[in-house]
Amino acid sequence: MNIYRFYGHFLPISFNYKDFGQVMYENNVTQKYLVLKIQSRKGIIYEFNYSENKCEVYAKVKTSIYYSWIDEFDNKDDYETFCRTFKNKKYYFEKGRLIKEERFK
């Protein structure tokens, strides 16, 4: 699994929640998943909320949102081809490789 640094946060190049750490909660009906980040000193828990063609992720420490991002994809089975919006940038990945980066306001 490839990793990329987003504003100091090292994240897998994937929108599959299972790639982010230890799964603590799964609900396939609501498509909501909670994952404990691997090697997290702060105890970060990722909350994944999937819809038709995107996934909203909130990195939480206790009850506060530490950071968040949105992954948008065309093929829900191709976990390494997607666009990740993190803060004011969009990162386009194809087969696990960064192909384009855009800054927006």
C-alpha atoms as a PDB file:
ATOM      1  CA  MET A   1       0.000   0.000   0.000  1.00  0.00           C
ATOM      2  CA  ASN A   2       1.396   3.362  -1.054  1.00  0.00           C
ATOM      3  CA  ILE A   3       1.330   6.298   1.371  1.00  0.00           C
ATOM      4  CA  TYR A   4       1.165  10.011   0.542  1.00  0.00           C
ATOM      5  CA  ARG A   5       1.727  13.025   2.796  1.00  0.00           C
ATOM      6  CA  PHE A   6      -1.216  15.450   2.954  1.00  0.00           C
ATOM      7  CA  TYR A   7      -0.265  18.547   4.937  1.00  0.00           C
ATOM      8  CA  GLY A   8       1.827  16.492   7.368  1.00  0.00           C
ATOM      9  CA  HIS A   9      -0.618  13.590   7.591  1.00  0.00           C
ATOM     10  CA  PHE A  10       0.550  10.319   6.064  1.00  0.00           C
ATOM     11  CA  LEU A  11      -2.447   8.544   4.518  1.00  0.00           C
ATOM     12  CA  PRO A  12      -2.847   5.471   2.317  1.00  0.00           C
ATOM     13  CA  ILE A  13      -3.518   6.075  -1.360  1.00  0.00           C
ATOM     14  CA  SER A  14      -6.845   4.284  -1.197  1.00  0.00           C
ATOM     15  CA  PHE A  15     -10.451   5.012  -0.301  1.00  0.00           C
ATOM     16  CA  ASN A  16     -10.946   1.541   1.223  1.00  0.00           C
ATOM     17  CA  TYR A  17     -11.508   1.988   4.966  1.00  0.00           C
ATOM     18  CA  LYS A  18      -9.787  -1.336   5.694  1.00  0.00           C
ATOM     19  CA  ASP A  19      -6.434   0.130   4.529  1.00  0.00           C
ATOM     20  CA  PHE A  20      -6.368   2.752   7.300  1.00  0.00           C
ATOM     21  CA  GLY A  21      -6.047   0.664  10.456  1.00  0.00           C
ATOM     22  CA  GLN A  22      -8.007  -1.587  12.773  1.00  0.00           C
ATOM     23  CA  VAL A  23     -11.741  -1.704  11.964  1.00  0.00           C
ATOM     24  CA  MET A  24     -13.767  -1.010  15.113  1.00  0.00           C
ATOM     25  CA  TYR A  25     -17.275  -0.692  13.660  1.00  0.00           C
ATOM     26  CA  GLU A  26     -18.899  -1.643  10.350  1.00  0.00           C
ATOM     27  CA  ASN A  27     -22.420  -0.940   9.150  1.00  0.00           C
ATOM     28  CA  ASN A  28     -22.911  -2.011   5.543  1.00  0.00           C
ATOM     29  CA  VAL A  29     -26.491  -0.721   5.499  1.00  0.00           C
ATOM     30  CA  THR A  30     -25.641   2.894   6.371  1.00  0.00           C
ATOM     31  CA  GLN A  31     -22.132   2.529   4.865  1.00  0.00           C
ATOM     32  CA  LYS A  32     -20.531   4.004   7.983  1.00  0.00           C
ATOM     33  CA  TYR A  33     -17.256   2.614   9.349  1.00  0.00           C
ATOM     34  CA  LEU A  34     -14.951   3.483  12.261  1.00  0.00           C
ATOM     35  CA  VAL A  35     -11.242   2.664  12.068  1.00  0.00           C
ATOM     36  CA  LEU A  36      -8.507   3.138  14.680  1.00  0.00           C
ATOM     37  CA  LYS A  37      -5.434   4.613  12.986  1.00  0.00           C
ATOM     38  CA  ILE A  38      -2.351   2.401  13.070  1.00  0.00           C
ATOM     39  CA  GLN A  39       0.438   3.761  15.317  1.00  0.00           C
ATOM     40  CA  SER A  40      -1.537   6.776  16.484  1.00  0.00           C
ATOM     41  CA  ARG A  41      -0.194   8.413  19.643  1.00  0.00           C
ATOM     42  CA  LYS A  42      -3.224  10.707  19.748  1.00  0.00           C
ATOM     43  CA  GLY A  43      -5.758   7.891  19.386  1.00  0.00           C
ATOM     44  CA  ILE A  44      -7.116   9.057  16.019  1.00  0.00           C
ATOM     45  CA  ILE A  45     -10.285   7.357  14.882  1.00  0.00           C
ATOM     46  CA  TYR A  46     -11.333   7.680  11.243  1.00  0.00           C
ATOM     47  CA  GLU A  47     -15.050   7.889  10.534  1.00  0.00           C
ATOM     48  CA  PHE A  48     -15.831   6.847   6.948  1.00  0.00           C
ATOM     49  CA  ASN A  49     -19.195   7.795   5.407  1.00  0.00           C
ATOM     50  CA  TYR A  50     -19.722   6.374   1.913  1.00  0.00           C
ATOM     51  CA  SER A  51     -22.331   7.442  -0.629  1.00  0.00           C
ATOM     52  CA  GLU A  52     -22.828   6.641  -4.334  1.00  0.00           C
ATOM     53  CA  ASN A  53     -19.485   7.916  -5.651  1.00  0.00           C
ATOM     54  CA  LYS A  54     -17.725   9.574  -2.721  1.00  0.00           C
ATOM     55  CA  CYS A  55     -16.485   8.993   0.775  1.00  0.00           C
ATOM     56  CA  GLU A  56     -16.322  11.663   3.475  1.00  0.00           C
ATOM     57  CA  VAL A  57     -13.744  10.939   6.159  1.00  0.00           C
ATOM     58  CA  TYR A  58     -13.357  12.620   9.552  1.00  0.00           C
ATOM     59  CA  ALA A  59     -10.242  12.045  11.642  1.00  0.00           C
ATOM     60  CA  LYS A  60     -11.372  12.456  15.233  1.00  0.00           C
ATOM     61  CA  VAL A  61      -9.531  12.715  18.530  1.00  0.00           C
ATOM     62  CA  LYS A  62     -12.056  12.023  21.278  1.00  0.00           C
ATOM     63  CA  THR A  63     -15.071  14.062  20.108  1.00  0.00           C
ATOM     64  CA  SER A  64     -13.228  16.754  18.089  1.00  0.00           C
ATOM     65  CA  ILE A  65     -12.555  16.646  14.365  1.00  0.00           C
ATOM     66  CA  TYR A  66      -8.777  16.832  13.914  1.00  0.00           C
ATOM     67  CA  TYR A  67      -8.872  16.934  10.080  1.00  0.00           C
ATOM     68  CA  SER A  68     -11.071  15.659   7.261  1.00  0.00           C
ATOM     69  CA  TRP A  69     -11.110  14.941   3.540  1.00  0.00           C
ATOM     70  CA  ILE A  70     -13.356  13.762   0.708  1.00  0.00           C
ATOM     71  CA  ASP A  71     -12.551  10.995  -1.785  1.00  0.00           C
ATOM     72  CA  GLU A  72     -14.480  10.948  -5.069  1.00  0.00           C
ATOM     73  CA  PHE A  73     -14.395   7.961  -7.417  1.00  0.00           C
ATOM     74  CA  ASP A  74     -16.029   6.533 -10.550  1.00  0.00           C
ATOM     75  CA  ASN A  75     -15.381   2.843  -9.901  1.00  0.00           C
ATOM     76  CA  LYS A  76     -16.047   1.702  -6.328  1.00  0.00           C
ATOM     77  CA  ASP A  77     -13.977  -1.451  -6.935  1.00  0.00           C
ATOM     78  CA  ASP A  78     -10.811   0.401  -8.024  1.00  0.00           C
ATOM     79  CA  TYR A  79      -9.632   1.657  -4.624  1.00  0.00           C
ATOM     80  CA  GLU A  80      -6.458   3.300  -5.970  1.00  0.00           C
ATOM     81  CA  THR A  81      -8.044   5.505  -8.678  1.00  0.00           C
ATOM     82  CA  PHE A  82      -9.835   8.529  -7.204  1.00  0.00           C
ATOM     83  CA  CYS A  83      -9.640  12.242  -6.385  1.00  0.00           C
ATOM     84  CA  ARG A  84      -8.907  13.288  -2.787  1.00  0.00           C
ATOM     85  CA  THR A  85      -9.850  16.784  -1.609  1.00  0.00           C
ATOM     86  CA  PHE A  86      -7.794  17.727   1.430  1.00  0.00           C
ATOM     87  CA  LYS A  87      -8.012  21.314   2.663  1.00  0.00           C
ATOM     88  CA  ASN A  88      -7.579  23.553  -0.406  1.00  0.00           C
ATOM     89  CA  LYS A  89      -6.090  20.968  -2.789  1.00  0.00           C
ATOM     90  CA  LYS A  90      -7.339  18.189  -5.023  1.00  0.00           C
ATOM     91  CA  TYR A  91      -5.080  15.200  -5.592  1.00  0.00           C
ATOM     92  CA  TYR A  92      -5.818  12.884  -8.513  1.00  0.00           C
ATOM     93  CA  PHE A  93      -4.586   9.311  -8.203  1.00  0.00           C
ATOM     94  CA  GLU A  94      -4.587   6.608 -10.834  1.00  0.00           C
ATOM     95  CA  LYS A  95      -3.611   3.062  -9.894  1.00  0.00           C
ATOM     96  CA  GLY A  96      -2.008   4.353  -6.680  1.00  0.00           C
ATOM     97  CA  ARG A  97       0.116   7.062  -8.341  1.00  0.00           C
ATOM     98  CA  LEU A  98      -0.352  10.824  -8.123  1.00  0.00           C
ATOM     99  CA  ILE A  99      -1.069  12.111 -11.636  1.00  0.00           C
ATOM    100  CA  LYS A 100      -2.293  15.649 -10.929  1.00  0.00           C
ATOM    101  CA  GLU A 101      -2.538  18.169  -8.111  1.00  0.00           C
ATOM    102  CA  GLU A 102      -4.748  21.297  -8.112  1.00  0.00           C
ATOM    103  CA  ARG A 103      -5.046  24.135  -5.634  1.00  0.00           C
ATOM    104  CA  PHE A 104      -8.399  25.921  -5.319  1.00  0.00           C
ATOM    105  CA  LYS A 105      -9.858  28.694  -3.177  1.00  0.00           C
END
